[in-house]
Amino acid sequence: MSRRKRPVRLPKGADYSSSLVMEMIEADAAVGFDIPVPDGCNFVEVSMPSAVMRAYQQARQAHPNAANLPPMRIVERGTLEHLNATLRGGVVYVKEDPRHG
């Protein structure tokens, strides 16, 4: 599996450190970005700030199994798109602004 060698670039003042984001990406990459939906549930939300979401999406697209992964459904919380994504089920990626949570 190809590993990103360069650090994640986040905006100045980001609430997350590059190393923490890389740890999260590497942990998800190790399981093929297959985020399980718990038994009895219809969906699971993965929530992160936009800058982190961008880095995560780039790493996911670069994964060797990217072609076989379901598409990332990225929505903003509280929108009609968010409601529709949760009703469809599966993994829903929610962009959050950590300053307005």
PDB file of N, CA and C in Angstrom:
ATOM      1  N   MET A   1       0.840  -1.171   0.000  1.00  0.00           N
ATOM      2  CA  MET A   1       0.000   0.000   0.000  1.00  0.00           C
ATOM      3  C   MET A   1       0.887   1.236   0.000  1.00  0.00           C
ATOM      4  N   SER A   2       0.511   2.200  -0.787  1.00  0.00           N
ATOM      5  CA  SER A   2       1.272   3.444  -0.882  1.00  0.00           C
ATOM      6  C   SER A   2       0.982   4.332   0.329  1.00  0.00           C
ATOM      7  N   ARG A   3       2.012   4.824   0.933  1.00  0.00           N
ATOM      8  CA  ARG A   3       1.854   5.688   2.110  1.00  0.00           C
ATOM      9  C   ARG A   3       2.241   7.097   1.751  1.00  0.00           C
ATOM     10  N   ARG A   4       1.512   8.037   2.273  1.00  0.00           N
ATOM     11  CA  ARG A   4       1.843   9.446   2.071  1.00  0.00           C
ATOM     12  C   ARG A   4       3.042   9.772   2.934  1.00  0.00           C
ATOM     13  N   LYS A   5       4.067  10.306   2.309  1.00  0.00           N
ATOM     14  CA  LYS A   5       5.272  10.650   3.062  1.00  0.00           C
ATOM     15  C   LYS A   5       5.252  12.109   3.504  1.00  0.00           C
ATOM     16  N   ARG A   6       4.588  12.945   2.737  1.00  0.00           N
ATOM     17  CA  ARG A   6       4.576  14.360   3.098  1.00  0.00           C
ATOM     18  C   ARG A   6       3.487  14.620   4.134  1.00  0.00           C
ATOM     19  N   PRO A   7       3.722  15.566   5.012  1.00  0.00           N
ATOM     20  CA  PRO A   7       2.727  15.833   6.056  1.00  0.00           C
ATOM     21  C   PRO A   7       1.478  16.482   5.473  1.00  0.00           C
ATOM     22  N   VAL A   8       0.387  16.299   6.162  1.00  0.00           N
ATOM     23  CA  VAL A   8      -0.869  16.945   5.784  1.00  0.00           C
ATOM     24  C   VAL A   8      -0.721  18.437   6.037  1.00  0.00           C
ATOM     25  N   ARG A   9      -1.153  19.229   5.082  1.00  0.00           N
ATOM     26  CA  ARG A   9      -1.090  20.684   5.247  1.00  0.00           C
ATOM     27  C   ARG A   9      -2.455  21.193   5.683  1.00  0.00           C
ATOM     28  N   LEU A  10      -2.490  21.775   6.845  1.00  0.00           N
ATOM     29  CA  LEU A  10      -3.726  22.330   7.397  1.00  0.00           C
ATOM     30  C   LEU A  10      -3.577  23.843   7.524  1.00  0.00           C
ATOM     31  N   PRO A  11      -4.683  24.575   7.507  1.00  0.00           N
ATOM     32  CA  PRO A  11      -4.589  26.030   7.675  1.00  0.00           C
ATOM     33  C   PRO A  11      -4.027  26.394   9.047  1.00  0.00           C
ATOM     34  N   LYS A  12      -3.379  27.540   9.121  1.00  0.00           N
ATOM     35  CA  LYS A  12      -2.860  28.010  10.413  1.00  0.00           C
ATOM     36  C   LYS A  12      -4.025  28.148  11.389  1.00  0.00           C
ATOM     37  N   GLY A  13      -3.774  27.766  12.620  1.00  0.00           N
ATOM     38  CA  GLY A  13      -4.805  27.856  13.651  1.00  0.00           C
ATOM     39  C   GLY A  13      -5.808  26.717  13.620  1.00  0.00           C
ATOM     40  N   ALA A  14      -5.545  25.675  12.824  1.00  0.00           N
ATOM     41  CA  ALA A  14      -6.464  24.529  12.762  1.00  0.00           C
ATOM     42  C   ALA A  14      -6.528  23.849  14.123  1.00  0.00           C
ATOM     43  N   ASP A  15      -7.693  23.323  14.443  1.00  0.00           N
ATOM     44  CA  ASP A  15      -7.896  22.657  15.729  1.00  0.00           C
ATOM     45  C   ASP A  15      -7.233  21.285  15.793  1.00  0.00           C
ATOM     46  N   TYR A  16      -6.766  20.774  14.665  1.00  0.00           N
ATOM     47  CA  TYR A  16      -6.147  19.457  14.599  1.00  0.00           C
ATOM     48  C   TYR A  16      -4.696  19.613  14.168  1.00  0.00           C
ATOM     49  N   SER A  17      -3.830  18.757  14.659  1.00  0.00           N
ATOM     50  CA  SER A  17      -2.433  18.784  14.215  1.00  0.00           C
ATOM     51  C   SER A  17      -2.290  17.869  13.000  1.00  0.00           C
ATOM     52  N   SER A  18      -1.290  18.151  12.165  1.00  0.00           N
ATOM     53  CA  SER A  18      -1.033  17.316  10.987  1.00  0.00           C
ATOM     54  C   SER A  18      -0.749  15.875  11.391  1.00  0.00           C
ATOM     55  N   SER A  19      -0.011  15.693  12.471  1.00  0.00           N
ATOM     56  CA  SER A  19       0.327  14.325  12.880  1.00  0.00           C
ATOM     57  C   SER A  19      -0.914  13.556  13.329  1.00  0.00           C
ATOM     58  N   LEU A  20      -1.836  14.214  14.017  1.00  0.00           N
ATOM     59  CA  LEU A  20      -3.074  13.557  14.441  1.00  0.00           C
ATOM     60  C   LEU A  20      -3.917  13.174  13.226  1.00  0.00           C
ATOM     61  N   VAL A  21      -3.998  14.061  12.248  1.00  0.00           N
ATOM     62  CA  VAL A  21      -4.756  13.771  11.035  1.00  0.00           C
ATOM     63  C   VAL A  21      -4.117  12.606  10.286  1.00  0.00           C
ATOM     64  N   MET A  22      -2.785  12.582  10.201  1.00  0.00           N
ATOM     65  CA  MET A  22      -2.100  11.478   9.527  1.00  0.00           C
ATOM     66  C   MET A  22      -2.342  10.158  10.245  1.00  0.00           C
ATOM     67  N   GLU A  23      -2.342  10.165  11.574  1.00  0.00           N
ATOM     68  CA  GLU A  23      -2.633   8.939  12.333  1.00  0.00           C
ATOM     69  C   GLU A  23      -4.025   8.415  11.987  1.00  0.00           C
ATOM     70  N   MET A  24      -5.005   9.320  11.930  1.00  0.00           N
ATOM     71  CA  MET A  24      -6.371   8.923  11.607  1.00  0.00           C
ATOM     72  C   MET A  24      -6.429   8.356  10.190  1.00  0.00           C
ATOM     73  N   ILE A  25      -5.801   9.035   9.235  1.00  0.00           N
ATOM     74  CA  ILE A  25      -5.818   8.579   7.849  1.00  0.00           C
ATOM     75  C   ILE A  25      -5.139   7.214   7.739  1.00  0.00           C
ATOM     76  N   GLU A  26      -3.998   7.051   8.387  1.00  0.00           N
ATOM     77  CA  GLU A  26      -3.284   5.773   8.319  1.00  0.00           C
ATOM     78  C   GLU A  26      -4.083   4.642   8.957  1.00  0.00           C
ATOM     79  N   ALA A  27      -4.783   4.933  10.049  1.00  0.00           N
ATOM     80  CA  ALA A  27      -5.619   3.907  10.691  1.00  0.00           C
ATOM     81  C   ALA A  27      -6.753   3.490   9.764  1.00  0.00           C
ATOM     82  N   ASP A  28      -7.402   4.454   9.109  1.00  0.00           N
ATOM     83  CA  ASP A  28      -8.496   4.125   8.191  1.00  0.00           C
ATOM     84  C   ASP A  28      -7.966   3.445   6.933  1.00  0.00           C
ATOM     85  N   ALA A  29      -6.793   3.867   6.451  1.00  0.00           N
ATOM     86  CA  ALA A  29      -6.198   3.239   5.265  1.00  0.00           C
ATOM     87  C   ALA A  29      -5.844   1.783   5.554  1.00  0.00           C
ATOM     88  N   ALA A  30      -5.417   1.493   6.781  1.00  0.00           N
ATOM     89  CA  ALA A  30      -5.031   0.132   7.162  1.00  0.00           C
ATOM     90  C   ALA A  30      -6.204  -0.848   7.055  1.00  0.00           C
ATOM     91  N   VAL A  31      -7.426  -0.355   7.189  1.00  0.00           N
ATOM     92  CA  VAL A  31      -8.605  -1.212   7.048  1.00  0.00           C
ATOM     93  C   VAL A  31      -9.311  -0.935   5.719  1.00  0.00           C
ATOM     94  N   GLY A  32      -8.580  -0.347   4.782  1.00  0.00           N
ATOM     95  CA  GLY A  32      -9.119  -0.116   3.450  1.00  0.00           C
ATOM     96  C   GLY A  32     -10.202   0.934   3.382  1.00  0.00           C
ATOM     97  N   PHE A  33     -10.206   1.867   4.324  1.00  0.00           N
ATOM     98  CA  PHE A  33     -11.222   2.925   4.399  1.00  0.00           C
ATOM     99  C   PHE A  33     -12.625   2.329   4.465  1.00  0.00           C
ATOM    100  N   ASP A  34     -12.727   1.136   5.016  1.00  0.00           N
ATOM    101  CA  ASP A  34     -14.017   0.468   5.171  1.00  0.00           C
ATOM    102  C   ASP A  34     -14.545   0.783   6.564  1.00  0.00           C
ATOM    103  N   ILE A  35     -15.403   1.774   6.648  1.00  0.00           N
ATOM    104  CA  ILE A  35     -15.949   2.187   7.948  1.00  0.00           C
ATOM    105  C   ILE A  35     -17.231   1.405   8.181  1.00  0.00           C
ATOM    106  N   PRO A  36     -17.248   0.571   9.212  1.00  0.00           N
ATOM    107  CA  PRO A  36     -18.425  -0.287   9.429  1.00  0.00           C
ATOM    108  C   PRO A  36     -19.619   0.488   9.980  1.00  0.00           C
ATOM    109  N   VAL A  37     -20.787   0.105   9.534  1.00  0.00           N
ATOM    110  CA  VAL A  37     -22.038   0.624  10.084  1.00  0.00           C
ATOM    111  C   VAL A  37     -22.461  -0.379  11.149  1.00  0.00           C
ATOM    112  N   PRO A  38     -22.626   0.069  12.396  1.00  0.00           N
ATOM    113  CA  PRO A  38     -22.970  -0.876  13.475  1.00  0.00           C
ATOM    114  C   PRO A  38     -24.257  -1.643  13.195  1.00  0.00           C
ATOM    115  N   ASP A  39     -24.315  -2.878  13.669  1.00  0.00           N
ATOM    116  CA  ASP A  39     -25.521  -3.695  13.514  1.00  0.00           C
ATOM    117  C   ASP A  39     -26.715  -2.947  14.078  1.00  0.00           C
ATOM    118  N   GLY A  40     -27.810  -2.991  13.354  1.00  0.00           N
ATOM    119  CA  GLY A  40     -29.035  -2.344  13.792  1.00  0.00           C
ATOM    120  C   GLY A  40     -29.131  -0.881  13.389  1.00  0.00           C
ATOM    121  N   CYS A  41     -28.082  -0.347  12.798  1.00  0.00           N
ATOM    122  CA  CYS A  41     -28.093   1.058  12.370  1.00  0.00           C
ATOM    123  C   CYS A  41     -28.182   1.125  10.853  1.00  0.00           C
ATOM    124  N   ASN A  42     -28.691   2.246  10.373  1.00  0.00           N
ATOM    125  CA  ASN A  42     -28.808   2.457   8.938  1.00  0.00           C
ATOM    126  C   ASN A  42     -27.624   3.253   8.394  1.00  0.00           C
ATOM    127  N   PHE A  43     -27.044   4.110   9.227  1.00  0.00           N
ATOM    128  CA  PHE A  43     -25.949   4.948   8.758  1.00  0.00           C
ATOM    129  C   PHE A  43     -24.990   5.247   9.897  1.00  0.00           C
ATOM    130  N   VAL A  44     -23.816   5.743   9.530  1.00  0.00           N
ATOM    131  CA  VAL A  44     -22.852   6.243  10.502  1.00  0.00           C
ATOM    132  C   VAL A  44     -22.319   7.551   9.932  1.00  0.00           C
ATOM    133  N   GLU A  45     -22.137   8.540  10.792  1.00  0.00           N
ATOM    134  CA  GLU A  45     -21.593   9.823  10.360  1.00  0.00           C
ATOM    135  C   GLU A  45     -20.128   9.918  10.738  1.00  0.00           C
ATOM    136  N   VAL A  46     -19.333  10.406   9.797  1.00  0.00           N
ATOM    137  CA  VAL A  46     -17.933  10.710  10.037  1.00  0.00           C
ATOM    138  C   VAL A  46     -17.840  12.219   9.915  1.00  0.00           C
ATOM    139  N   SER A  47     -17.522  12.880  11.015  1.00  0.00           N
ATOM    140  CA  SER A  47     -17.544  14.334  11.053  1.00  0.00           C
ATOM    141  C   SER A  47     -16.142  14.895  11.210  1.00  0.00           C
ATOM    142  N   MET A  48     -15.796  15.886  10.388  1.00  0.00           N
ATOM    143  CA  MET A  48     -14.490  16.527  10.490  1.00  0.00           C
ATOM    144  C   MET A  48     -14.535  17.894   9.811  1.00  0.00           C
ATOM    145  N   PRO A  49     -13.615  18.782  10.200  1.00  0.00           N
ATOM    146  CA  PRO A  49     -13.545  20.100   9.560  1.00  0.00           C
ATOM    147  C   PRO A  49     -13.189  19.966   8.076  1.00  0.00           C
ATOM    148  N   SER A  50     -13.547  20.965   7.283  1.00  0.00           N
ATOM    149  CA  SER A  50     -13.331  20.935   5.834  1.00  0.00           C
ATOM    150  C   SER A  50     -11.883  20.657   5.454  1.00  0.00           C
ATOM    151  N   ALA A  51     -10.918  21.294   6.128  1.00  0.00           N
ATOM    152  CA  ALA A  51      -9.501  21.108   5.784  1.00  0.00           C
ATOM    153  C   ALA A  51      -9.075  19.665   6.026  1.00  0.00           C
ATOM    154  N   VAL A  52      -9.558  19.065   7.091  1.00  0.00           N
ATOM    155  CA  VAL A  52      -9.246  17.665   7.391  1.00  0.00           C
ATOM    156  C   VAL A  52      -9.951  16.760   6.378  1.00  0.00           C
ATOM    157  N   MET A  53     -11.182  17.100   6.041  1.00  0.00           N
ATOM    158  CA  MET A  53     -11.948  16.317   5.069  1.00  0.00           C
ATOM    159  C   MET A  53     -11.221  16.278   3.725  1.00  0.00           C
ATOM    160  N   ARG A  54     -10.651  17.404   3.315  1.00  0.00           N
ATOM    161  CA  ARG A  54      -9.914  17.465   2.047  1.00  0.00           C
ATOM    162  C   ARG A  54      -8.721  16.512   2.064  1.00  0.00           C
ATOM    163  N   ALA A  55      -7.945  16.556   3.137  1.00  0.00           N
ATOM    164  CA  ALA A  55      -6.778  15.676   3.266  1.00  0.00           C
ATOM    165  C   ALA A  55      -7.213  14.208   3.293  1.00  0.00           C
ATOM    166  N   TYR A  56      -8.283  13.919   4.012  1.00  0.00           N
ATOM    167  CA  TYR A  56      -8.809  12.555   4.109  1.00  0.00           C
ATOM    168  C   TYR A  56      -9.267  12.059   2.736  1.00  0.00           C
ATOM    169  N   GLN A  57      -9.986  12.918   2.014  1.00  0.00           N
ATOM    170  CA  GLN A  57     -10.497  12.544   0.694  1.00  0.00           C
ATOM    171  C   GLN A  57      -9.349  12.270  -0.276  1.00  0.00           C
ATOM    172  N   GLN A  58      -8.301  13.086  -0.239  1.00  0.00           N
ATOM    173  CA  GLN A  58      -7.147  12.872  -1.112  1.00  0.00           C
ATOM    174  C   GLN A  58      -6.472  11.535  -0.801  1.00  0.00           C
ATOM    175  N   ALA A  59      -6.314  11.226   0.487  1.00  0.00           N
ATOM    176  CA  ALA A  59      -5.693   9.958   0.873  1.00  0.00           C
ATOM    177  C   ALA A  59      -6.563   8.785   0.447  1.00  0.00           C
ATOM    178  N   ARG A  60      -7.863   8.935   0.590  1.00  0.00           N
ATOM    179  CA  ARG A  60      -8.796   7.871   0.209  1.00  0.00           C
ATOM    180  C   ARG A  60      -8.747   7.631  -1.296  1.00  0.00           C
ATOM    181  N   GLN A  61      -8.692   8.706  -2.078  1.00  0.00           N
ATOM    182  CA  GLN A  61      -8.632   8.576  -3.535  1.00  0.00           C
ATOM    183  C   GLN A  61      -7.319   7.943  -3.996  1.00  0.00           C
ATOM    184  N   ALA A  62      -6.252   8.116  -3.212  1.00  0.00           N
ATOM    185  CA  ALA A  62      -4.945   7.558  -3.561  1.00  0.00           C
ATOM    186  C   ALA A  62      -4.790   6.109  -3.102  1.00  0.00           C
ATOM    187  N   HIS A  63      -5.736   5.598  -2.334  1.00  0.00           N
ATOM    188  CA  HIS A  63      -5.657   4.232  -1.815  1.00  0.00           C
ATOM    189  C   HIS A  63      -5.713   3.233  -2.970  1.00  0.00           C
ATOM    190  N   PRO A  64      -4.931   2.145  -2.890  1.00  0.00           N
ATOM    191  CA  PRO A  64      -4.917   1.148  -3.977  1.00  0.00           C
ATOM    192  C   PRO A  64      -6.287   0.546  -4.292  1.00  0.00           C
ATOM    193  N   ASN A  65      -7.198   0.514  -3.347  1.00  0.00           N
ATOM    194  CA  ASN A  65      -8.525  -0.061  -3.551  1.00  0.00           C
ATOM    195  C   ASN A  65      -9.583   1.018  -3.805  1.00  0.00           C
ATOM    196  N   ALA A  66      -9.161   2.230  -4.123  1.00  0.00           N
ATOM    197  CA  ALA A  66     -10.092   3.363  -4.267  1.00  0.00           C
ATOM    198  C   ALA A  66     -11.209   3.078  -5.269  1.00  0.00           C
ATOM    199  N   ALA A  67     -10.898   2.382  -6.350  1.00  0.00           N
ATOM    200  CA  ALA A  67     -11.908   2.112  -7.379  1.00  0.00           C
ATOM    201  C   ALA A  67     -13.054   1.247  -6.854  1.00  0.00           C
ATOM    202  N   ASN A  68     -12.791   0.457  -5.820  1.00  0.00           N
ATOM    203  CA  ASN A  68     -13.819  -0.433  -5.276  1.00  0.00           C
ATOM    204  C   ASN A  68     -14.547   0.138  -4.068  1.00  0.00           C
ATOM    205  N   LEU A  69     -14.137   1.321  -3.623  1.00  0.00           N
ATOM    206  CA  LEU A  69     -14.788   1.939  -2.466  1.00  0.00           C
ATOM    207  C   LEU A  69     -16.067   2.641  -2.897  1.00  0.00           C
ATOM    208  N   PRO A  70     -17.083   2.636  -2.039  1.00  0.00           N
ATOM    209  CA  PRO A  70     -18.275   3.418  -2.382  1.00  0.00           C
ATOM    210  C   PRO A  70     -17.909   4.900  -2.414  1.00  0.00           C
ATOM    211  N   PRO A  71     -18.637   5.696  -3.178  1.00  0.00           N
ATOM    212  CA  PRO A  71     -18.303   7.119  -3.255  1.00  0.00           C
ATOM    213  C   PRO A  71     -18.445   7.792  -1.889  1.00  0.00           C
ATOM    214  N   MET A  72     -17.620   8.802  -1.658  1.00  0.00           N
ATOM    215  CA  MET A  72     -17.734   9.583  -0.418  1.00  0.00           C
ATOM    216  C   MET A  72     -18.909  10.544  -0.580  1.00  0.00           C
ATOM    217  N   ARG A  73     -19.874  10.436   0.315  1.00  0.00           N
ATOM    218  CA  ARG A  73     -20.988  11.383   0.311  1.00  0.00           C
ATOM    219  C   ARG A  73     -20.673  12.443   1.360  1.00  0.00           C
ATOM    220  N   ILE A  74     -20.225  13.604   0.898  1.00  0.00           N
ATOM    221  CA  ILE A  74     -19.820  14.686   1.797  1.00  0.00           C
ATOM    222  C   ILE A  74     -20.930  15.726   1.823  1.00  0.00           C
ATOM    223  N   VAL A  75     -21.416  16.009   3.026  1.00  0.00           N
ATOM    224  CA  VAL A  75     -22.527  16.948   3.187  1.00  0.00           C
ATOM    225  C   VAL A  75     -22.233  17.915   4.325  1.00  0.00           C
ATOM    226  N   GLU A  76     -23.031  18.957   4.390  1.00  0.00           N
ATOM    227  CA  GLU A  76     -22.963  19.887   5.527  1.00  0.00           C
ATOM    228  C   GLU A  76     -24.128  19.577   6.447  1.00  0.00           C
ATOM    229  N   ARG A  77     -23.846  19.576   7.744  1.00  0.00           N
ATOM    230  CA  ARG A  77     -24.868  19.240   8.735  1.00  0.00           C
ATOM    231  C   ARG A  77     -26.067  20.189   8.629  1.00  0.00           C
ATOM    232  N   GLY A  78     -27.247  19.613   8.765  1.00  0.00           N
ATOM    233  CA  GLY A  78     -28.473  20.407   8.804  1.00  0.00           C
ATOM    234  C   GLY A  78     -29.048  20.768   7.446  1.00  0.00           C
ATOM    235  N   THR A  79     -28.442  20.271   6.365  1.00  0.00           N
ATOM    236  CA  THR A  79     -28.954  20.573   5.030  1.00  0.00           C
ATOM    237  C   THR A  79     -29.876  19.444   4.570  1.00  0.00           C
ATOM    238  N   LEU A  80     -30.628  19.714   3.510  1.00  0.00           N
ATOM    239  CA  LEU A  80     -31.471  18.679   2.921  1.00  0.00           C
ATOM    240  C   LEU A  80     -30.605  17.535   2.389  1.00  0.00           C
ATOM    241  N   GLU A  81     -29.445  17.875   1.862  1.00  0.00           N
ATOM    242  CA  GLU A  81     -28.490  16.869   1.383  1.00  0.00           C
ATOM    243  C   GLU A  81     -28.070  15.928   2.525  1.00  0.00           C
ATOM    244  N   HIS A  82     -27.878  16.497   3.723  1.00  0.00           N
ATOM    245  CA  HIS A  82     -27.517  15.705   4.906  1.00  0.00           C
ATOM    246  C   HIS A  82     -28.655  14.738   5.253  1.00  0.00           C
ATOM    247  N   LEU A  83     -29.874  15.243   5.275  1.00  0.00           N
ATOM    248  CA  LEU A  83     -31.031  14.402   5.580  1.00  0.00           C
ATOM    249  C   LEU A  83     -31.156  13.265   4.570  1.00  0.00           C
ATOM    250  N   ASN A  84     -31.044  13.588   3.286  1.00  0.00           N
ATOM    251  CA  ASN A  84     -31.153  12.561   2.249  1.00  0.00           C
ATOM    252  C   ASN A  84     -30.056  11.508   2.374  1.00  0.00           C
ATOM    253  N   ALA A  85     -28.843  11.941   2.693  1.00  0.00           N
ATOM    254  CA  ALA A  85     -27.726  10.995   2.839  1.00  0.00           C
ATOM    255  C   ALA A  85     -27.975  10.038   4.004  1.00  0.00           C
ATOM    256  N   THR A  86     -28.484  10.549   5.116  1.00  0.00           N
ATOM    257  CA  THR A  86     -28.748   9.671   6.261  1.00  0.00           C
ATOM    258  C   THR A  86     -29.898   8.708   5.967  1.00  0.00           C
ATOM    259  N   LEU A  87     -30.879   9.163   5.211  1.00  0.00           N
ATOM    260  CA  LEU A  87     -31.991   8.282   4.849  1.00  0.00           C
ATOM    261  C   LEU A  87     -31.533   7.175   3.903  1.00  0.00           C
ATOM    262  N   ARG A  88     -30.576   7.483   3.009  1.00  0.00           N
ATOM    263  CA  ARG A  88     -30.023   6.483   2.090  1.00  0.00           C
ATOM    264  C   ARG A  88     -29.219   5.435   2.844  1.00  0.00           C
ATOM    265  N   GLY A  89     -28.601   5.860   3.944  1.00  0.00           N
ATOM    266  CA  GLY A  89     -27.830   4.929   4.763  1.00  0.00           C
ATOM    267  C   GLY A  89     -26.391   4.805   4.325  1.00  0.00           C
ATOM    268  N   GLY A  90     -25.644   4.029   5.084  1.00  0.00           N
ATOM    269  CA  GLY A  90     -24.226   3.846   4.822  1.00  0.00           C
ATOM    270  C   GLY A  90     -23.398   4.875   5.568  1.00  0.00           C
ATOM    271  N   VAL A  91     -22.230   5.198   5.019  1.00  0.00           N
ATOM    272  CA  VAL A  91     -21.324   6.147   5.657  1.00  0.00           C
ATOM    273  C   VAL A  91     -21.586   7.532   5.083  1.00  0.00           C
ATOM    274  N   VAL A  92     -21.809   8.500   5.969  1.00  0.00           N
ATOM    275  CA  VAL A  92     -22.064   9.885   5.580  1.00  0.00           C
ATOM    276  C   VAL A  92     -20.949  10.737   6.171  1.00  0.00           C
ATOM    277  N   TYR A  93     -20.234  11.464   5.322  1.00  0.00           N
ATOM    278  CA  TYR A  93     -19.148  12.348   5.765  1.00  0.00           C
ATOM    279  C   TYR A  93     -19.719  13.748   5.925  1.00  0.00           C
ATOM    280  N   VAL A  94     -19.598  14.292   7.137  1.00  0.00           N
ATOM    281  CA  VAL A  94     -20.178  15.593   7.451  1.00  0.00           C
ATOM    282  C   VAL A  94     -19.074  16.605   7.665  1.00  0.00           C
ATOM    283  N   LYS A  95     -19.068  17.653   6.819  1.00  0.00           N
ATOM    284  CA  LYS A  95     -18.114  18.754   6.975  1.00  0.00           C
ATOM    285  C   LYS A  95     -18.594  19.608   8.147  1.00  0.00           C
ATOM    286  N   GLU A  96     -17.716  19.871   9.072  1.00  0.00           N
ATOM    287  CA  GLU A  96     -18.055  20.689  10.230  1.00  0.00           C
ATOM    288  C   GLU A  96     -17.127  21.881  10.316  1.00  0.00           C
ATOM    289  N   ASP A  97     -17.614  22.976  10.808  1.00  0.00           N
ATOM    290  CA  ASP A  97     -16.765  24.104  11.162  1.00  0.00           C
ATOM    291  C   ASP A  97     -16.569  24.018  12.666  1.00  0.00           C
ATOM    292  N   PRO A  98     -15.368  23.652  13.140  1.00  0.00           N
ATOM    293  CA  PRO A  98     -15.180  23.438  14.574  1.00  0.00           C
ATOM    294  C   PRO A  98     -15.467  24.675  15.413  1.00  0.00           C
ATOM    295  N   ARG A  99     -15.472  25.834  14.804  1.00  0.00           N
ATOM    296  CA  ARG A  99     -15.774  27.066  15.563  1.00  0.00           C
ATOM    297  C   ARG A  99     -17.255  27.307  15.695  1.00  0.00           C
ATOM    298  N   HIS A 100     -18.072  26.535  14.958  1.00  0.00           N
ATOM    299  CA  HIS A 100     -19.532  26.704  15.006  1.00  0.00           C
ATOM    300  C   HIS A 100     -20.214  25.384  15.265  1.00  0.00           C
ATOM    301  N   GLY A 101     -19.728  24.613  16.253  1.00  0.00           N
ATOM    302  CA  GLY A 101     -20.262  23.271  16.485  1.00  0.00           C
ATOM    303  C   GLY A 101     -21.285  23.176  17.474  1.00  0.00           C
TER     304      GLY A 101
END
